C-alpha cells in the first residue's frame, strides 16, 4: 500500500520509549450540559480556539481547547437554527468522524469541515493495536490509565491531538493523513449511510476470469514445485519451499507460535528472484484474495430495492443511535 511504501522514511525518527502505564489518572474534566438553544448559543459565543467533537454512548460532546471543559449536547438542541449553522459551517477536530457525521444527519444536521480525526490519525501513525477507541488513545498517547468514567477524560482531547500530530510529522505520514485519508471520511460516511450500487453481472464475469487465472497459476506452481500440494496451506507451502526446493531461510521472520519460518507475503517478497515459484505464489494469492474478499463476497451483501426498478444496492449500515 501507499502507506507501506512510505513508512520506511519514518524509520530514522528517534524511537519513542514507552514505559508501563502509571497507576494514576489526571484530574477529571468538567462536564456541563447544554439543554436549550440559548445555552448552546451562549457556549459557542464564548468559545476560543479549536473545537473538538466526540460521540460517546449516543451522546455528542463539544470540547473547546480551553483546558478541561466538555459540553454534553441534549438532542433538543440540534433542531435549533444556532446548532444547524454552527455544525454546518464550522471546522472541527473529531474522534471517529464517520460516526459523528451520520449521528448529526440522523438529527437533520450537516457537519462542516473535519480538520483532524483522532481515530484516523492513530491508524495512519501506525498504532500497533486494533483498538482505536478514545480510552485506548488516552492510555497510549498520554501514557497513563484512564478514569472509570471515560467522559472525565474528554478535557484531554487536545493533548491527544498534539501527540498524534507529532507522530504524523514523520516522513510523509502527514501527507497520507491530510491529502488521502481525511478527505475520504465524508465519502465513506455517505457510502455507509446510503449503500452503494453494484453491478453483479460484471463481478460474476470477473470471478470467472479469476477462476481461470487461478487454475493456470495452480498448474504452473505444481510444475515448478515438482508436484501438487495445498497452496493455501502455510505448513505445506513451507515444506515445499524450504525442505523440498531448499530455498534459503536466512533473514526470514519466524511465526510467534511454533517458531517456524513464515510464508507470509512480506517474507515471500524477500525471496523474489531466488526461485520462479515465489512470484507465481504471490500472484496466486493476490487473485485468490480478490476473488474471495470482493468478487464473490460483495454480491452476497446485495439487497433489492422495492419494485426492482433500480440496480442492486449493498445494504447500508444503521446510523449510530
Protein backbone atom coordinates (compact mmCIF):
# COMPACT_ATOMS: atom_id res chain seq x y z
CA UNK A 1 0.00 0.00 0.00
CA UNK A 2 0.96 3.65 -0.28
CA UNK A 3 1.41 3.83 3.47
CA UNK A 4 3.77 0.85 3.49
CA UNK A 5 5.86 2.32 0.66
CA UNK A 6 6.39 5.48 2.67
CA UNK A 7 6.74 4.05 6.14
CA UNK A 8 10.45 3.50 5.60
CA UNK A 9 11.02 7.25 5.60
CA UNK A 10 9.97 7.39 9.23
CA UNK A 11 12.47 4.77 10.42
CA UNK A 12 15.18 7.30 11.16
CA UNK A 13 12.95 9.13 13.62
CA UNK A 14 14.08 8.58 17.25
CA UNK A 15 12.14 5.77 18.86
CA UNK A 16 9.60 6.65 21.49
CA UNK A 17 10.24 4.62 24.62
CA UNK A 18 7.03 3.72 26.41
CA UNK A 19 7.12 2.62 29.99
CA UNK A 20 4.46 0.76 31.89
CA UNK A 21 1.37 2.84 32.47
CA UNK A 22 1.44 4.53 35.85
CA UNK A 23 -1.45 3.69 38.12
CA UNK A 24 -2.74 7.22 38.15
CA UNK A 25 -5.28 9.34 36.33
CA UNK A 26 -5.47 13.01 35.53
CA UNK A 27 -7.87 15.43 37.14
CA UNK A 28 -11.40 14.76 35.86
CA UNK A 29 -12.77 17.04 33.17
CA UNK A 30 -15.73 19.28 33.84
CA UNK A 31 -18.89 18.03 32.10
CA UNK A 32 -21.67 20.52 31.52
CA UNK A 33 -24.97 20.07 29.75
CA UNK A 34 -26.42 22.25 27.02
CA UNK A 35 -30.16 21.70 27.33
CA UNK A 36 -31.55 24.62 25.31
CA UNK A 37 -30.74 26.55 22.16
CA UNK A 38 -29.99 29.62 24.28
CA UNK A 39 -27.46 27.74 26.43
CA UNK A 40 -25.88 26.40 23.27
CA UNK A 41 -25.71 29.88 21.77
CA UNK A 42 -24.02 31.27 24.87
CA UNK A 43 -21.48 28.42 24.96
CA UNK A 44 -20.37 28.79 21.36
CA UNK A 45 -20.31 32.60 21.65
CA UNK A 46 -17.68 32.30 24.39
CA UNK A 47 -15.60 29.68 22.63
CA UNK A 48 -11.95 30.30 21.93
CA UNK A 49 -9.67 28.34 19.63
CA UNK A 50 -10.34 24.94 18.11
CA UNK A 51 -13.47 22.83 18.63
CA UNK A 52 -13.49 19.08 19.24
CA UNK A 53 -16.38 16.63 18.83
CA UNK A 54 -16.70 13.11 20.20
CA UNK A 55 -19.58 10.65 20.35
CA UNK A 56 -19.97 8.55 23.49
CA UNK A 57 -22.92 6.29 24.27
CA UNK A 58 -25.20 8.09 21.79
CA UNK A 59 -24.30 11.49 23.27
CA UNK A 60 -22.38 14.14 21.34
CA UNK A 61 -19.84 16.15 23.33
CA UNK A 62 -18.42 19.52 22.41
CA UNK A 63 -14.88 20.26 23.60
CA UNK A 64 -13.16 23.62 23.41
CA UNK A 65 -9.40 23.93 23.58
CA UNK A 66 -9.59 25.84 26.87
CA UNK A 67 -8.32 23.11 29.17
CA UNK A 68 -10.85 20.93 30.88
CA UNK A 69 -14.47 21.64 29.92
CA UNK A 70 -16.68 19.37 27.81
CA UNK A 71 -20.30 20.05 26.93
CA UNK A 72 -22.93 17.35 26.53
CA UNK A 73 -25.48 18.43 23.92
CA UNK A 74 -29.09 17.47 24.54
CA UNK A 75 -30.99 16.18 21.49
CA UNK A 76 -33.48 19.06 21.56
CA UNK A 77 -30.64 21.50 20.74
CA UNK A 78 -29.98 20.00 17.31
CA UNK A 79 -33.24 21.32 15.88
CA UNK A 80 -32.27 24.94 16.58
CA UNK A 81 -31.01 27.30 13.89
CA UNK A 82 -27.94 28.03 16.04
CA UNK A 83 -26.92 24.37 16.05
CA UNK A 84 -27.55 23.90 12.33
CA UNK A 85 -25.45 26.94 11.50
CA UNK A 86 -22.67 26.11 13.94
CA UNK A 87 -22.24 22.48 12.88
CA UNK A 88 -22.91 23.03 9.20
CA UNK A 89 -20.43 25.88 8.70
CA UNK A 90 -17.70 25.22 11.29
CA UNK A 91 -14.40 23.39 11.31
CA UNK A 92 -13.92 20.57 13.79
CA UNK A 93 -11.42 18.13 15.22
CA UNK A 94 -13.16 14.82 15.89
CA UNK A 95 -12.80 11.27 17.07
CA UNK A 96 -14.40 8.91 14.52
CA UNK A 97 -15.69 11.46 12.04
CA UNK A 98 -17.85 8.98 10.14
CA UNK A 99 -19.97 8.18 13.18
CA UNK A 100 -20.37 11.86 14.06
CA UNK A 101 -21.43 12.77 10.51
CA UNK A 102 -24.05 10.05 10.49
CA UNK A 103 -25.22 10.88 14.02
CA UNK A 104 -25.79 14.53 13.08
CA UNK A 105 -27.52 13.59 9.82
CA UNK A 106 -29.88 11.49 11.89
CA UNK A 107 -30.88 14.75 13.57
CA UNK A 108 -31.15 16.61 10.27
CA UNK A 109 -27.87 18.47 10.80
CA UNK A 110 -24.89 18.61 8.46
CA UNK A 111 -21.26 18.79 9.51
CA UNK A 112 -18.84 21.33 8.07
CA UNK A 113 -15.14 20.59 7.61
CA UNK A 114 -13.24 17.96 9.57
CA UNK A 115 -9.67 19.16 10.05
CA UNK A 116 -8.45 16.30 12.24
CA UNK A 117 -9.70 12.84 13.22
CA UNK A 118 -8.03 11.20 16.24
CA UNK A 119 -9.08 7.69 15.27
CA UNK A 120 -7.83 8.06 11.71
CA UNK A 121 -4.63 9.77 12.80
CA UNK A 122 -3.81 6.93 15.20
CA UNK A 123 -4.37 4.42 12.41
CA UNK A 124 -2.13 6.27 9.94
CA UNK A 125 0.55 6.87 12.58
CA UNK A 126 0.89 3.13 12.88
CA UNK A 127 -0.52 2.42 16.32
CA UNK A 128 0.07 -1.30 16.75
CA UNK A 129 -3.38 -2.09 18.03
CA UNK A 130 -6.82 -2.52 16.55
CA UNK A 131 -8.31 -0.66 19.48
CA UNK A 132 -8.59 2.96 18.37
CA UNK A 133 -11.20 3.95 20.94
CA UNK A 134 -10.82 7.23 22.80
CA UNK A 135 -9.96 5.45 26.05
CA UNK A 136 -7.28 3.38 24.30
CA UNK A 137 -5.76 6.53 22.82
CA UNK A 138 -5.62 8.14 26.26
CA UNK A 139 -3.72 5.08 27.52
CA UNK A 140 -1.23 5.06 24.67
CA UNK A 141 -0.75 8.72 23.79
CA UNK A 142 -0.72 10.14 27.31
CA UNK A 143 0.91 7.12 28.93
CA UNK A 144 -1.45 6.63 31.83
CA UNK A 145 -4.57 4.82 32.92
CA UNK A 146 -7.97 6.40 32.48
CA UNK A 147 -10.77 7.30 34.84
CA UNK A 148 -13.55 4.77 35.35
CA UNK A 149 -15.88 7.21 33.59
CA UNK A 150 -14.36 7.93 30.14
CA UNK A 151 -16.28 11.22 29.97
CA UNK A 152 -13.94 12.55 32.63
CA UNK A 153 -11.14 12.30 30.06
CA UNK A 154 -12.82 14.49 27.44
CA UNK A 155 -10.96 17.60 28.52
CA UNK A 156 -7.70 15.95 27.45
CA UNK A 157 -8.89 15.66 23.85
CA UNK A 158 -6.43 18.24 22.52
CA UNK A 159 -3.49 16.67 24.34
CA UNK A 160 -4.06 13.56 22.22
CA UNK A 161 -4.34 15.72 19.09
CA UNK A 162 -0.95 17.27 19.74
CA UNK A 163 0.64 13.89 20.45
CA UNK A 164 -0.67 12.40 17.21
CA UNK A 165 0.26 15.48 15.18
CA UNK A 166 3.83 14.97 16.33
CA UNK A 167 3.80 11.36 15.14
CA UNK A 168 2.31 12.33 11.77
CA UNK A 169 5.27 14.64 11.15
CA UNK A 170 7.43 11.57 10.44
CA UNK A 171 8.18 11.08 6.75
CA UNK A 172 5.12 11.56 4.56
CA UNK A 173 2.57 10.25 7.06
CA UNK A 174 1.10 13.75 7.38
CA UNK A 175 0.55 13.89 3.62
CA UNK A 176 -1.17 10.49 3.63
CA UNK A 177 -3.39 11.59 6.51
CA UNK A 178 -4.40 15.06 5.25
CA UNK A 179 -4.43 14.58 1.48
CA UNK A 180 -5.66 11.00 1.14
CA UNK A 181 -7.35 9.62 4.25
CA UNK A 182 -9.07 12.65 5.79
CA UNK A 183 -10.93 13.76 2.62
CA UNK A 184 -12.44 10.27 2.39
CA UNK A 185 -14.22 10.50 5.76
CA UNK A 186 -17.43 12.18 4.46
CA UNK A 187 -17.36 9.98 1.35
CA UNK A 188 -17.23 6.78 3.39
CA UNK A 189 -19.88 8.11 5.78
CA UNK A 190 -22.22 8.64 2.83
CA UNK A 191 -21.47 5.15 1.50
CA UNK A 192 -22.24 3.58 4.88
CA UNK A 193 -25.43 5.61 5.13
CA UNK A 194 -26.82 5.09 1.64
CA UNK A 195 -25.18 1.87 0.50
CA UNK A 196 -23.51 1.52 -2.91
CA UNK A 197 -24.79 0.37 -6.29
CA UNK A 198 -23.26 -2.86 -7.52
CA UNK A 199 -23.10 -4.44 -10.99
CA UNK A 200 -23.37 -8.11 -10.06
CA UNK A 201 -23.08 -9.28 -13.68
CA UNK A 202 -19.68 -7.63 -14.02
CA UNK A 203 -18.50 -9.16 -10.74
CA UNK A 204 -19.66 -12.63 -11.81
CA UNK A 205 -17.72 -12.29 -15.04
CA UNK A 206 -14.62 -11.09 -13.21
CA UNK A 207 -14.95 -14.02 -10.80
CA UNK A 208 -14.96 -16.47 -13.72
CA UNK A 209 -11.86 -14.82 -15.15
CA UNK A 210 -10.19 -15.07 -11.74
CA UNK A 211 -11.08 -18.78 -11.58
CA UNK A 212 -9.37 -19.38 -14.90
CA UNK A 213 -6.32 -17.37 -13.86
CA UNK A 214 -6.08 -19.31 -10.59
CA UNK A 215 -6.34 -22.61 -12.45
CA UNK A 216 -3.42 -21.69 -14.72
CA UNK A 217 -1.33 -20.39 -11.82
CA UNK A 218 -2.01 -23.59 -9.87
CA UNK A 219 -0.67 -25.74 -12.72
CA UNK A 220 2.45 -23.55 -13.06
CA UNK A 221 3.10 -23.72 -9.31
CA UNK A 222 2.71 -27.53 -9.29
CA UNK A 223 5.16 -27.82 -12.19
CA UNK A 224 7.73 -25.59 -10.52
CA UNK A 225 7.27 -27.32 -7.15
CA UNK A 226 7.56 -30.81 -8.61
CA UNK A 227 4.07 -31.93 -7.69
CA UNK A 228 0.66 -30.95 -6.29
CA UNK A 229 0.09 -29.63 -2.77
CA UNK A 230 -2.34 -27.31 -0.97
CA UNK A 231 -1.13 -23.84 -1.97
CA UNK A 232 -3.36 -22.25 0.68
CA UNK A 233 -1.74 -24.25 3.47
CA UNK A 234 1.15 -22.34 5.03
CA UNK A 235 2.54 -25.57 6.52
CA UNK A 236 2.56 -27.44 3.21
CA UNK A 237 3.96 -24.40 1.42
CA UNK A 238 6.81 -24.14 3.94
CA UNK A 239 7.71 -27.80 3.37
CA UNK A 240 7.77 -27.30 -0.41
CA UNK A 241 9.81 -24.09 -0.32
CA UNK A 242 12.30 -24.73 2.44
CA UNK A 243 12.65 -28.52 2.53
CA UNK A 244 11.94 -29.74 -0.97
CA UNK A 245 13.24 -26.78 -3.01
CA UNK A 246 15.90 -25.89 -0.42
CA UNK A 247 15.20 -22.13 -0.65
CA UNK A 248 17.27 -20.16 1.84
CA UNK A 249 15.61 -19.01 5.06
CA UNK A 250 18.22 -16.53 6.27
CA UNK A 251 16.62 -13.20 7.18
CA UNK A 252 13.07 -14.55 7.17
CA UNK A 253 10.79 -13.98 10.14
CA UNK A 254 9.57 -16.92 12.20
CA UNK A 255 6.00 -17.31 13.38
CA UNK A 256 5.24 -16.40 17.04
CA UNK A 257 3.61 -19.79 17.57
CA UNK A 258 5.81 -22.74 16.76
CA UNK A 259 8.81 -20.74 15.64
CA UNK A 260 8.62 -21.98 12.04
CA UNK A 261 9.70 -19.86 9.09
CA UNK A 262 6.86 -17.62 7.95
CA UNK A 263 5.42 -17.87 4.45
CA UNK A 264 3.58 -14.56 4.75
CA UNK A 265 3.55 -12.14 1.83
CA UNK A 266 6.19 -9.86 3.38
CA UNK A 267 8.62 -12.77 3.74
CA UNK A 268 7.97 -14.16 0.27
CA UNK A 269 8.62 -10.71 -1.19
CA UNK A 270 12.16 -11.01 0.16
CA UNK A 271 12.61 -14.20 -1.86
CA UNK A 272 11.56 -12.80 -5.23
CA UNK A 273 14.13 -13.82 -7.81
CA UNK A 274 15.52 -16.65 -5.69
CA UNK A 275 13.18 -19.18 -7.32
CA UNK A 276 10.50 -18.67 -10.04
CA UNK A 277 7.81 -20.33 -7.93
CA UNK A 278 7.82 -17.39 -5.50
CA UNK A 279 6.40 -14.88 -7.99
CA UNK A 280 3.73 -17.36 -9.07
CA UNK A 281 2.64 -17.96 -5.46
CA UNK A 282 2.41 -14.23 -4.74
CA UNK A 283 0.29 -13.68 -7.85
CA UNK A 284 -1.90 -16.66 -6.92
CA UNK A 285 -2.54 -15.15 -3.50
CA UNK A 286 -3.49 -11.78 -5.00
CA UNK A 287 -6.12 -13.35 -7.28
CA UNK A 288 -7.41 -15.64 -4.51
CA UNK A 289 -7.87 -12.71 -2.14
CA UNK A 290 -9.53 -10.59 -4.82
CA UNK A 291 -11.97 -13.38 -5.58
CA UNK A 292 -12.91 -14.37 -2.03
CA UNK A 293 -12.91 -10.88 -0.48
CA UNK A 294 -14.63 -8.92 -3.23
CA UNK A 295 -15.77 -10.71 -6.38
CA UNK A 296 -17.68 -13.48 -4.59
CA UNK A 297 -18.42 -11.75 -1.28
CA UNK A 298 -19.93 -8.42 -2.38
CA UNK A 299 -22.92 -9.87 -4.31
CA UNK A 300 -23.92 -11.73 -1.15
CA UNK A 301 -24.45 -8.37 0.59
CA UNK A 302 -26.87 -7.03 -2.00
CA UNK A 303 -30.45 -6.13 -1.18
CA UNK A 304 -33.06 -5.40 -3.85
CA UNK A 305 -34.82 -2.06 -3.99
CA UNK A 306 -38.65 -2.18 -3.90
CA UNK A 307 -40.14 -2.74 -7.35
CA UNK A 308 -36.84 -3.78 -8.87
CA UNK A 309 -36.60 -0.55 -10.86
CA UNK A 310 -33.11 0.36 -9.64
CA UNK A 311 -29.78 -1.50 -9.69
CA UNK A 312 -28.83 -3.79 -6.77
CA UNK A 313 -27.79 -1.95 -3.63
CA UNK A 314 -25.39 -3.10 -0.94
CA UNK A 315 -27.26 -2.75 2.33
CA UNK A 316 -26.31 0.43 4.22
CA UNK A 317 -25.24 0.21 7.84
CA UNK A 318 -27.63 1.53 10.51
CA UNK A 319 -26.79 5.01 11.83
CA UNK A 320 -25.31 5.45 15.33
CA UNK A 321 -28.00 5.50 17.99
